[in-house]
Amino acid sequence: MFGGRHLLAAKLRRSNIDASAGAVVEVERIVDQIRTRWPRVQILLRADSGFARDGLMTWCEANGVDYVFGLPRNDRLVGVIAEDLAAAAAESLARGGPAHRFADFAWRTFEYATASHLPETSEEMNAAGQERLRELLPIC
């Protein structure tokens, strides 16, 4: 875990456990230390899809920590942004390089208790000839 360029925590763990195991405890420990020194600081937790778990999101919301988590591509999300992906693909072909589209929509995972607000970033990579979803990030 980093704060800007500063390493705040690193854990060596077995590969047969969930990447987010113990994340709430570590985030809580670090947030407590930061807020002890800077009580009014705004904290934004950015993590990849391995940490997009209900327990961590719920803890963040209960403790005033904003978060942005990457989400993996799935058919349901791709269906929501299909028009943006097609537009990015057309623009990418016309420009001969990557094209980005941004959209905004409400989203609720099957496991997560409350709806999150998702700004969507679609990217088309012309060189590979494949569309790919760059990021879907819940911001709370």
Protein backbone atom coordinates (compact mmCIF):
# COMPACT_ATOMS: atom_id res chain seq x y z
CA MET A 1 0.00 0.00 0.00
CA PHE A 2 1.34 3.40 -0.98
CA GLY A 3 0.61 6.97 0.04
CA GLY A 4 1.79 8.81 -3.04
CA ARG A 5 5.36 7.55 -3.50
CA HIS A 6 5.67 6.38 0.11
CA LEU A 7 5.31 2.70 1.00
CA LEU A 8 2.83 2.42 3.87
CA ALA A 9 2.47 -1.36 4.09
CA ALA A 10 3.58 -4.52 2.31
CA LYS A 11 2.49 -8.07 3.07
CA LEU A 12 4.05 -11.25 1.81
CA ARG A 13 1.29 -13.82 1.63
CA ARG A 14 0.52 -17.23 0.23
CA SER A 15 -0.91 -17.38 -3.27
CA ASN A 16 -3.84 -19.58 -2.28
CA ILE A 17 -5.76 -16.91 -0.34
CA ASP A 18 -7.93 -14.05 -1.50
CA ALA A 19 -5.92 -10.92 -2.32
CA SER A 20 -8.15 -8.86 -0.05
CA ALA A 21 -7.71 -11.09 3.03
CA GLY A 22 -6.74 -8.82 5.91
CA ALA A 23 -7.22 -5.65 3.88
CA VAL A 24 -9.76 -4.09 6.23
CA VAL A 25 -7.41 -4.52 9.21
CA GLU A 26 -4.47 -2.99 7.31
CA VAL A 27 -6.48 -0.10 5.91
CA GLU A 28 -7.96 0.62 9.33
CA ARG A 29 -4.49 0.61 10.92
CA ILE A 30 -3.06 2.99 8.34
CA VAL A 31 -6.10 5.30 8.29
CA ASP A 32 -5.95 5.55 12.09
CA GLN A 33 -2.27 6.53 11.93
CA ILE A 34 -2.90 9.13 9.22
CA ARG A 35 -5.88 10.64 11.02
CA THR A 36 -3.99 10.78 14.31
CA ARG A 37 -1.52 13.13 12.66
CA TRP A 38 -3.89 14.86 10.19
CA PRO A 39 -7.47 14.51 11.51
CA ARG A 40 -9.20 16.42 8.70
CA VAL A 41 -7.34 14.94 5.73
CA GLN A 42 -9.39 13.44 2.90
CA ILE A 43 -8.33 9.86 2.19
CA LEU A 44 -8.89 8.13 -1.14
CA LEU A 45 -8.21 4.40 -1.34
CA ARG A 46 -7.40 3.16 -4.86
CA ALA A 47 -7.17 -0.58 -5.38
CA ASP A 48 -7.51 -3.14 -8.14
CA SER A 49 -10.41 -5.55 -8.56
CA GLY A 50 -8.98 -8.05 -6.08
CA PHE A 51 -9.93 -5.64 -3.30
CA ALA A 52 -13.42 -4.71 -4.53
CA ARG A 53 -15.14 -6.56 -1.71
CA ASP A 54 -18.21 -5.63 0.30
CA GLY A 55 -16.37 -5.70 3.63
CA LEU A 56 -13.75 -3.18 2.56
CA MET A 57 -16.26 -0.92 0.78
CA THR A 58 -18.56 -0.97 3.81
CA TRP A 59 -15.68 -0.13 6.15
CA CYS A 60 -14.59 2.76 3.92
CA GLU A 61 -18.09 4.21 3.80
CA ALA A 62 -18.55 3.87 7.58
CA ASN A 63 -15.21 5.60 8.21
CA GLY A 64 -15.32 8.45 5.72
CA VAL A 65 -12.74 6.99 3.35
CA ASP A 66 -13.42 7.55 -0.35
CA TYR A 67 -12.50 4.67 -2.61
CA VAL A 68 -11.89 3.86 -6.25
CA PHE A 69 -11.64 0.18 -7.18
CA GLY A 70 -10.95 -1.26 -10.59
CA LEU A 71 -13.48 -3.85 -11.66
CA PRO A 72 -12.94 -6.78 -14.00
CA ARG A 73 -14.68 -6.92 -17.37
CA ASN A 74 -17.93 -8.84 -17.36
CA ASP A 75 -20.85 -9.21 -19.75
CA ARG A 76 -23.24 -7.13 -17.67
CA LEU A 77 -20.89 -4.13 -17.45
CA VAL A 78 -19.94 -4.39 -21.12
CA GLY A 79 -23.65 -4.40 -21.99
CA VAL A 80 -24.16 -1.14 -20.11
CA ILE A 81 -21.32 0.61 -21.96
CA ALA A 82 -21.69 -1.08 -25.36
CA GLU A 83 -22.41 2.19 -27.17
CA ASP A 84 -19.35 3.85 -25.61
CA LEU A 85 -17.16 0.90 -26.56
CA ALA A 86 -18.41 1.07 -30.16
CA ALA A 87 -17.82 4.83 -30.31
CA ALA A 88 -14.31 4.41 -28.87
CA ALA A 89 -13.58 1.70 -31.45
CA ALA A 90 -14.70 3.95 -34.33
CA GLU A 91 -12.71 6.91 -33.02
CA SER A 92 -9.65 4.73 -32.48
CA LEU A 93 -9.74 3.55 -36.08
CA ALA A 94 -10.17 7.11 -37.33
CA ARG A 95 -7.34 8.48 -35.16
CA GLY A 96 -5.03 5.50 -35.47
CA GLY A 97 -4.54 5.35 -31.72
CA PRO A 98 -6.30 4.88 -28.41
CA ALA A 99 -9.64 6.59 -27.88
CA HIS A 100 -11.40 7.14 -24.57
CA ARG A 101 -15.04 7.63 -23.67
CA PHE A 102 -16.43 8.58 -20.29
CA ALA A 103 -19.91 7.89 -18.98
CA ASP A 104 -21.64 7.83 -15.63
CA PHE A 105 -24.17 5.32 -14.32
CA ALA A 106 -25.46 3.65 -11.16
CA TRP A 107 -24.34 0.10 -10.50
CA ARG A 108 -25.01 -2.58 -7.94
CA THR A 109 -23.10 -5.82 -7.77
CA PHE A 110 -24.91 -8.96 -6.75
CA GLU A 111 -22.91 -9.17 -3.52
CA TYR A 112 -22.68 -5.51 -2.57
CA ALA A 113 -25.33 -4.13 -0.25
CA THR A 114 -25.71 -0.64 -1.76
CA ALA A 115 -25.51 0.86 -5.22
CA SER A 116 -22.28 2.55 -6.23
CA HIS A 117 -21.84 5.42 -8.63
CA LEU A 118 -19.65 4.34 -11.55
CA PRO A 119 -17.84 6.65 -13.88
CA GLU A 120 -16.92 4.46 -16.82
CA THR A 121 -13.81 4.68 -18.95
CA SER A 122 -13.87 2.81 -22.25
CA GLU A 123 -10.76 2.42 -24.31
CA GLU A 124 -10.20 0.97 -27.75
CA MET A 125 -6.70 -0.13 -28.64
CA ASN A 126 -6.43 -0.03 -32.42
CA ALA A 127 -3.05 -1.77 -32.69
CA ALA A 128 -4.34 -4.98 -31.12
CA GLY A 129 -7.62 -4.79 -33.01
CA GLN A 130 -9.46 -5.59 -29.81
CA GLU A 131 -11.66 -3.47 -27.66
CA ARG A 132 -10.92 -3.58 -24.00
CA LEU A 133 -12.49 -2.10 -20.97
CA ARG A 134 -9.87 0.02 -19.33
CA GLU A 135 -11.45 0.61 -15.96
CA LEU A 136 -14.74 0.68 -14.19
CA LEU A 137 -14.36 2.51 -10.92
CA PRO A 138 -16.91 2.90 -8.16
CA ILE A 139 -16.50 6.22 -6.39
CA CYS A 140 -18.21 6.68 -3.06
